[in-house]
């Protein structure tokens, strides 16, 4: 059952036709800006992977993957949940060198996603990954990349406002980023839930990068789940914006410097995932055969929704919704694609 929320007095700022125009414009402008800023080249991405490779993203480790058997290969395939590990393998296979990276249009199905204003079973994002040096594996480098991504978002936002005057009443987001660790956030708001902490902090501070997600905090629990075999839990985070339309903190991107052989070894044990050591991808990584990288995913529908002031993600992507969502949006005059 979904948890749809209709802001009081909300009406879409653009017609359906102009919404489609704006979606295409946002995606073109941002992809071009991101690739130029981070020195990325577009590559083709898989829709599914063989389960035996270990390349599919496990997200929080509890989500059911969409699987199917392939008749002619007698193997099992999985629809991707993200391309966090595949991209690192691709950088090696395609001979990318230090300072250059790739991005792709990733389309995923997350069948267990809880449907609400921000979540759909269909996920579309720019998945990107870049080769770095071992010396780049530090907080300062991570922060510099975050600042570049946020600047690309804000540049796209200014352009889209100029092209679509109906959006001019929306508040522009600040390119200045506040950095805070998940432990510092817990210390500030020890009596709040993780989501409540994000809402309180981002409402007050604006654009935020919440760092170190996945590791246990002093409370004994992590701020949020993060798979142990792509991000280094000491060098990752989420880019959060304040969403005026919905009145909440809004995650646009999950990203980070990727695990080294040493941090992968440690995190697999901490997460109780030592069985993954025998998978091909993990064997390569533990042996130091994959490049050091930084990467992440940036939601395409999420970015469109934020920049167009939309109240529901179904306004900017075509997906499947439950009856409650369909009825509530229809009653409020919100067209779902």
Protein backbone atom coordinates (compact mmCIF):
# COMPACT_ATOMS: atom_id res chain seq x y z
CA UNK A 1 0.00 0.00 0.00
CA UNK A 2 1.38 3.38 -0.98
CA UNK A 3 1.78 6.45 1.20
CA UNK A 4 0.87 9.22 -1.21
CA UNK A 5 0.91 12.80 0.08
CA UNK A 6 -0.78 15.70 -1.70
CA UNK A 7 0.52 19.13 -0.62
CA UNK A 8 -2.28 21.57 0.12
CA UNK A 9 -3.18 23.64 -2.94
CA UNK A 10 -0.64 21.88 -5.17
CA UNK A 11 -1.04 22.16 -8.95
CA UNK A 12 1.57 21.23 -11.58
CA UNK A 13 3.35 24.29 -12.96
CA UNK A 14 3.61 22.89 -16.50
CA UNK A 15 1.13 21.26 -18.86
CA UNK A 16 1.66 17.62 -19.80
CA UNK A 17 3.16 18.68 -23.13
CA UNK A 18 5.55 21.17 -21.56
CA UNK A 19 6.42 18.65 -18.83
CA UNK A 20 7.62 16.24 -21.51
CA UNK A 21 9.65 19.02 -23.14
CA UNK A 22 11.16 19.99 -19.80
CA UNK A 23 12.06 16.40 -18.89
CA UNK A 24 13.99 16.01 -22.14
CA UNK A 25 15.71 19.35 -21.65
CA UNK A 26 16.75 18.62 -18.07
CA UNK A 27 18.19 15.25 -19.02
CA UNK A 28 20.17 16.62 -21.97
CA UNK A 29 21.51 19.66 -20.14
CA UNK A 30 22.52 17.83 -16.99
CA UNK A 31 24.13 14.87 -18.75
CA UNK A 32 26.22 17.23 -20.89
CA UNK A 33 27.22 19.37 -17.90
CA UNK A 34 28.06 16.38 -15.70
CA UNK A 35 30.16 14.67 -18.36
CA UNK A 36 32.15 17.84 -19.07
CA UNK A 37 32.63 18.64 -15.39
CA UNK A 38 33.83 15.19 -14.32
CA UNK A 39 35.47 14.17 -17.63
CA UNK A 40 33.08 11.28 -18.32
CA UNK A 41 32.31 9.40 -21.51
CA UNK A 42 28.92 7.81 -22.17
CA UNK A 43 28.86 4.00 -22.52
CA UNK A 44 26.13 1.43 -23.09
CA UNK A 45 24.81 -0.28 -19.98
CA UNK A 46 23.24 -3.69 -19.39
CA UNK A 47 19.61 -4.11 -18.38
CA UNK A 48 20.38 -7.49 -16.78
CA UNK A 49 23.40 -9.50 -15.63
CA UNK A 50 24.17 -13.14 -15.02
CA UNK A 51 23.57 -13.86 -11.34
CA UNK A 52 26.82 -15.84 -11.00
CA UNK A 53 29.03 -12.81 -11.71
CA UNK A 54 28.24 -11.04 -8.44
CA UNK A 55 28.06 -7.74 -10.32
CA UNK A 56 24.48 -6.86 -9.44
CA UNK A 57 23.94 -4.38 -6.63
CA UNK A 58 22.52 -5.90 -3.44
CA UNK A 59 21.30 -2.52 -2.12
CA UNK A 60 20.40 -3.17 1.53
CA UNK A 61 20.74 -6.93 1.09
CA UNK A 62 17.06 -7.76 1.58
CA UNK A 63 15.46 -6.68 -1.71
CA UNK A 64 14.28 -9.45 -4.06
CA UNK A 65 15.90 -9.23 -7.47
CA UNK A 66 13.83 -9.76 -10.62
CA UNK A 67 15.27 -12.99 -12.05
CA UNK A 68 14.63 -15.13 -15.09
CA UNK A 69 16.19 -18.10 -16.82
CA UNK A 70 17.79 -17.84 -20.25
CA UNK A 71 16.86 -20.80 -22.42
CA UNK A 72 19.90 -21.03 -24.68
CA UNK A 73 22.53 -20.45 -22.00
CA UNK A 74 20.81 -22.38 -19.19
CA UNK A 75 21.83 -19.61 -16.82
CA UNK A 76 19.94 -17.29 -14.48
CA UNK A 77 19.87 -13.56 -15.17
CA UNK A 78 18.93 -10.69 -12.86
CA UNK A 79 17.52 -7.31 -13.82
CA UNK A 80 19.98 -4.78 -12.41
CA UNK A 81 19.21 -2.94 -9.18
CA UNK A 82 22.06 -0.53 -9.93
CA UNK A 83 25.39 -0.72 -11.74
CA UNK A 84 27.70 0.16 -8.84
CA UNK A 85 29.98 -2.87 -9.35
CA UNK A 86 29.53 -3.32 -13.11
CA UNK A 87 30.92 0.16 -13.76
CA UNK A 88 34.18 -0.55 -11.99
CA UNK A 89 34.65 -3.71 -14.00
CA UNK A 90 33.85 -1.77 -17.18
CA UNK A 91 36.51 0.86 -16.43
CA UNK A 92 39.10 -1.91 -16.35
CA UNK A 93 37.76 -3.73 -19.41
CA UNK A 94 37.53 -0.52 -21.49
CA UNK A 95 41.03 0.66 -20.45
CA UNK A 96 39.98 3.97 -18.89
CA UNK A 97 42.90 5.83 -17.34
CA UNK A 98 43.24 7.95 -14.21
CA UNK A 99 41.17 11.14 -14.36
CA UNK A 100 38.66 9.85 -16.90
CA UNK A 101 35.40 8.02 -16.27
CA UNK A 102 32.16 6.78 -17.74
CA UNK A 103 28.46 7.38 -17.31
CA UNK A 104 25.42 5.53 -18.56
CA UNK A 105 21.64 5.62 -18.46
CA UNK A 106 20.70 2.97 -15.93
CA UNK A 107 17.18 1.52 -15.83
CA UNK A 108 16.30 -0.83 -12.98
CA UNK A 109 13.35 -2.62 -11.44
CA UNK A 110 13.16 -2.68 -7.65
CA UNK A 111 10.12 -4.80 -7.00
CA UNK A 112 10.12 -4.36 -3.21
CA UNK A 113 10.30 -0.57 -3.20
CA UNK A 114 7.64 1.00 -0.98
CA UNK A 115 5.59 3.29 -3.20
CA UNK A 116 5.20 6.92 -2.18
CA UNK A 117 5.77 10.39 -3.63
CA UNK A 118 9.49 9.74 -4.14
CA UNK A 119 9.71 6.00 -4.77
CA UNK A 120 8.72 3.83 -7.71
CA UNK A 121 9.50 0.24 -8.67
CA UNK A 122 11.11 1.74 -11.80
CA UNK A 123 14.44 3.45 -11.22
CA UNK A 124 16.21 5.58 -13.80
CA UNK A 125 19.50 7.26 -13.03
CA UNK A 126 22.80 8.39 -14.41
CA UNK A 127 25.28 5.84 -13.13
CA UNK A 128 28.82 7.22 -13.29
CA UNK A 129 32.27 6.00 -12.29
CA UNK A 130 35.75 7.54 -12.57
CA UNK A 131 39.28 6.19 -12.19
CA UNK A 132 41.30 7.83 -9.40
CA UNK A 133 44.66 7.29 -7.74
CA UNK A 134 45.15 5.64 -4.37
CA UNK A 135 46.18 9.07 -3.04
CA UNK A 136 42.76 10.45 -4.05
CA UNK A 137 41.02 8.16 -1.57
CA UNK A 138 40.40 10.89 1.03
CA UNK A 139 37.65 13.15 2.34
CA UNK A 140 38.93 16.29 0.60
CA UNK A 141 38.80 14.67 -2.83
CA UNK A 142 35.32 13.29 -2.11
CA UNK A 143 34.11 16.76 -1.13
CA UNK A 144 35.55 18.33 -4.28
CA UNK A 145 33.59 15.91 -6.50
CA UNK A 146 30.40 16.52 -4.51
CA UNK A 147 30.80 20.26 -5.07
CA UNK A 148 31.19 19.69 -8.82
CA UNK A 149 28.01 17.60 -9.00
CA UNK A 150 25.99 20.13 -7.01
CA UNK A 151 27.26 22.94 -9.24
CA UNK A 152 26.09 20.95 -12.30
CA UNK A 153 22.64 20.56 -10.73
CA UNK A 154 22.35 24.27 -9.96
CA UNK A 155 23.55 25.27 -13.45
CA UNK A 156 20.90 23.02 -14.99
CA UNK A 157 18.27 24.49 -12.68
CA UNK A 158 19.09 28.06 -13.74
CA UNK A 159 18.90 27.09 -17.42
CA UNK A 160 15.57 25.30 -17.06
CA UNK A 161 14.05 28.30 -15.25
CA UNK A 162 15.15 30.54 -18.12
CA UNK A 163 13.64 28.20 -20.72
CA UNK A 164 10.35 27.63 -18.86
CA UNK A 165 9.17 30.90 -17.23
CA UNK A 166 6.31 29.09 -15.43
CA UNK A 167 8.99 27.66 -13.10
CA UNK A 168 10.34 31.06 -12.09
CA UNK A 169 8.41 31.04 -8.82
CA UNK A 170 10.35 28.03 -7.54
CA UNK A 171 13.14 28.71 -5.07
CA UNK A 172 16.59 28.12 -6.57
CA UNK A 173 18.80 25.70 -4.63
CA UNK A 174 22.10 26.84 -3.20
CA UNK A 175 25.33 25.47 -4.68
CA UNK A 176 27.00 25.83 -1.28
CA UNK A 177 27.19 22.41 0.37
CA UNK A 178 27.18 21.68 4.10
CA UNK A 179 29.11 18.52 4.98
CA UNK A 180 28.24 16.39 8.01
CA UNK A 181 28.87 12.78 9.03
CA UNK A 182 26.08 10.41 10.02
CA UNK A 183 27.56 10.21 13.52
CA UNK A 184 27.59 14.00 13.89
CA UNK A 185 23.97 14.05 12.73
CA UNK A 186 22.99 11.41 15.30
CA UNK A 187 24.77 13.39 18.01
CA UNK A 188 22.79 16.52 17.04
CA UNK A 189 19.41 14.76 17.07
CA UNK A 190 19.76 11.61 19.23
CA UNK A 191 16.00 11.30 19.81
CA UNK A 192 14.98 11.50 16.12
CA UNK A 193 14.83 8.77 13.48
CA UNK A 194 17.42 8.92 10.67
CA UNK A 195 14.89 10.44 8.26
CA UNK A 196 13.74 12.98 10.86
CA UNK A 197 17.37 13.97 11.43
CA UNK A 198 17.85 14.58 7.71
CA UNK A 199 14.69 16.68 7.52
CA UNK A 200 15.69 18.81 10.51
CA UNK A 201 19.24 19.42 9.33
CA UNK A 202 18.59 20.03 5.63
CA UNK A 203 15.67 22.36 6.37
CA UNK A 204 18.01 24.55 8.40
CA UNK A 205 21.20 24.20 6.33
CA UNK A 206 20.06 23.64 2.75
CA UNK A 207 22.11 21.54 0.34
CA UNK A 208 23.89 18.85 2.37
CA UNK A 209 26.28 15.96 1.86
CA UNK A 210 25.65 13.37 4.56
CA UNK A 211 28.80 11.27 4.90
CA UNK A 212 29.76 7.81 6.17
CA UNK A 213 26.64 5.76 5.54
CA UNK A 214 26.63 2.02 6.18
CA UNK A 215 28.87 1.81 9.24
CA UNK A 216 27.41 1.31 12.70
CA UNK A 217 26.95 4.45 14.79
CA UNK A 218 27.37 4.71 18.55
CA UNK A 219 23.67 3.86 18.87
CA UNK A 220 24.54 0.43 17.45
CA UNK A 221 22.75 0.95 14.12
CA UNK A 222 23.86 2.50 10.81
CA UNK A 223 22.14 5.66 9.59
CA UNK A 224 21.02 3.66 6.56
CA UNK A 225 21.93 0.42 4.83
CA UNK A 226 24.69 0.33 2.22
CA UNK A 227 26.08 -2.76 0.51
CA UNK A 228 29.59 -3.66 1.75
CA UNK A 229 31.18 -4.28 -1.63
CA UNK A 230 31.14 -0.98 -3.52
CA UNK A 231 31.28 2.16 -1.32
CA UNK A 232 33.93 2.58 1.34
CA UNK A 233 31.74 3.32 4.37
CA UNK A 234 34.26 5.93 5.58
CA UNK A 235 34.32 7.73 2.22
CA UNK A 236 30.75 7.84 0.93
CA UNK A 237 27.51 9.75 1.38
CA UNK A 238 24.22 11.10 0.03
CA UNK A 239 23.62 14.45 -1.66
CA UNK A 240 20.51 15.97 -0.08
CA UNK A 241 18.49 19.00 -1.21
CA UNK A 242 15.54 20.67 0.47
CA UNK A 243 12.32 20.01 -1.46
CA UNK A 244 9.99 23.00 -0.97
CA UNK A 245 7.04 21.34 -2.68
CA UNK A 246 7.01 18.37 -0.30
CA UNK A 247 8.63 20.09 2.67
CA UNK A 248 11.29 17.44 3.23
CA UNK A 249 14.90 16.47 2.72
CA UNK A 250 15.37 15.03 -0.74
CA UNK A 251 18.07 12.51 -1.69
CA UNK A 252 19.28 13.10 -5.24
CA UNK A 253 22.42 10.99 -5.26
CA UNK A 254 24.14 8.18 -3.41
CA UNK A 255 27.88 8.14 -4.12
CA UNK A 256 31.32 7.55 -2.76
CA UNK A 257 34.91 6.49 -3.14
CA UNK A 258 34.83 2.76 -3.77
CA UNK A 259 36.26 0.04 -1.57
CA UNK A 260 39.94 -0.80 -1.66
CA UNK A 261 41.01 -4.43 -1.17
CA UNK A 262 41.55 -3.64 2.51
CA UNK A 263 38.20 -1.93 3.14
CA UNK A 264 36.34 -4.59 1.14
CA UNK A 265 37.93 -7.30 3.28
CA UNK A 266 36.87 -5.49 6.45
CA UNK A 267 33.34 -4.61 5.32
CA UNK A 268 32.50 -8.09 4.02
CA UNK A 269 33.26 -9.49 7.47
CA UNK A 270 31.39 -6.71 9.30
CA UNK A 271 28.32 -7.27 7.11
CA UNK A 272 28.43 -11.05 7.42
CA UNK A 273 28.95 -11.42 3.67
CA UNK A 274 32.17 -13.45 3.56
CA UNK A 275 30.55 -15.87 1.09
CA UNK A 276 30.92 -13.19 -1.61
CA UNK A 277 34.71 -13.57 -1.54
CA UNK A 278 34.38 -16.43 -4.04
CA UNK A 279 32.52 -14.40 -6.67
CA UNK A 280 34.58 -13.32 -9.71
CA UNK A 281 34.23 -9.57 -9.12
CA UNK A 282 35.17 -9.82 -5.46
CA UNK A 283 38.17 -12.06 -6.17
CA UNK A 284 39.54 -9.46 -8.58
CA UNK A 285 38.99 -6.63 -6.15
CA UNK A 286 40.57 -8.42 -3.18
CA UNK A 287 43.57 -9.26 -5.38
CA UNK A 288 44.02 -5.58 -6.29
CA UNK A 289 43.22 -6.18 -9.97
CA UNK A 290 40.58 -3.43 -10.35
CA UNK A 291 41.29 0.32 -10.51
CA UNK A 292 40.65 2.69 -7.63
CA UNK A 293 37.45 4.58 -8.43
CA UNK A 294 34.82 7.02 -7.26
CA UNK A 295 31.24 6.85 -8.48
CA UNK A 296 27.55 7.06 -7.79
CA UNK A 297 24.05 7.26 -9.10
CA UNK A 298 22.05 10.43 -9.75
CA UNK A 299 18.31 9.98 -10.11
CA UNK A 300 16.98 11.15 -13.47
CA UNK A 301 13.32 11.27 -12.44
CA UNK A 302 14.41 12.62 -9.06
CA UNK A 303 16.25 15.52 -10.70
CA UNK A 304 13.33 16.29 -13.03
CA UNK A 305 10.91 16.17 -10.12
CA UNK A 306 13.05 18.54 -8.03
CA UNK A 307 13.66 21.09 -10.79
CA UNK A 308 10.04 21.09 -12.04
CA UNK A 309 8.56 21.38 -8.55
CA UNK A 310 6.57 18.14 -8.96
CA UNK A 311 4.79 16.59 -5.99
CA UNK A 312 4.88 12.97 -7.22
CA UNK A 313 7.52 11.06 -9.13
CA UNK A 314 4.76 9.66 -11.36
CA UNK A 315 4.49 13.13 -12.90
CA UNK A 316 7.90 12.71 -14.54
CA UNK A 317 8.14 8.95 -15.20
CA UNK A 318 5.82 6.20 -16.45
CA UNK A 319 5.39 3.40 -13.91
CA UNK A 320 2.76 1.25 -12.16
CA UNK A 321 0.84 2.56 -9.14
CA UNK A 322 -1.67 1.15 -6.69
CA UNK A 323 -5.32 2.21 -6.72
CA UNK A 324 -4.95 4.49 -3.71
CA UNK A 325 -2.25 6.53 -5.44
CA UNK A 326 -4.16 6.72 -8.71
CA UNK A 327 -7.36 7.86 -7.01
CA UNK A 328 -5.65 10.41 -4.76
CA UNK A 329 -3.70 11.98 -7.62
CA UNK A 330 -6.72 12.01 -9.93
CA UNK A 331 -8.82 13.73 -7.28
CA UNK A 332 -6.10 16.35 -6.76
CA UNK A 333 -5.72 17.00 -10.50
CA UNK A 334 -2.23 15.51 -10.65
CA UNK A 335 -1.67 13.66 -13.94
CA UNK A 336 0.52 10.55 -13.67
CA UNK A 337 2.39 9.54 -16.82
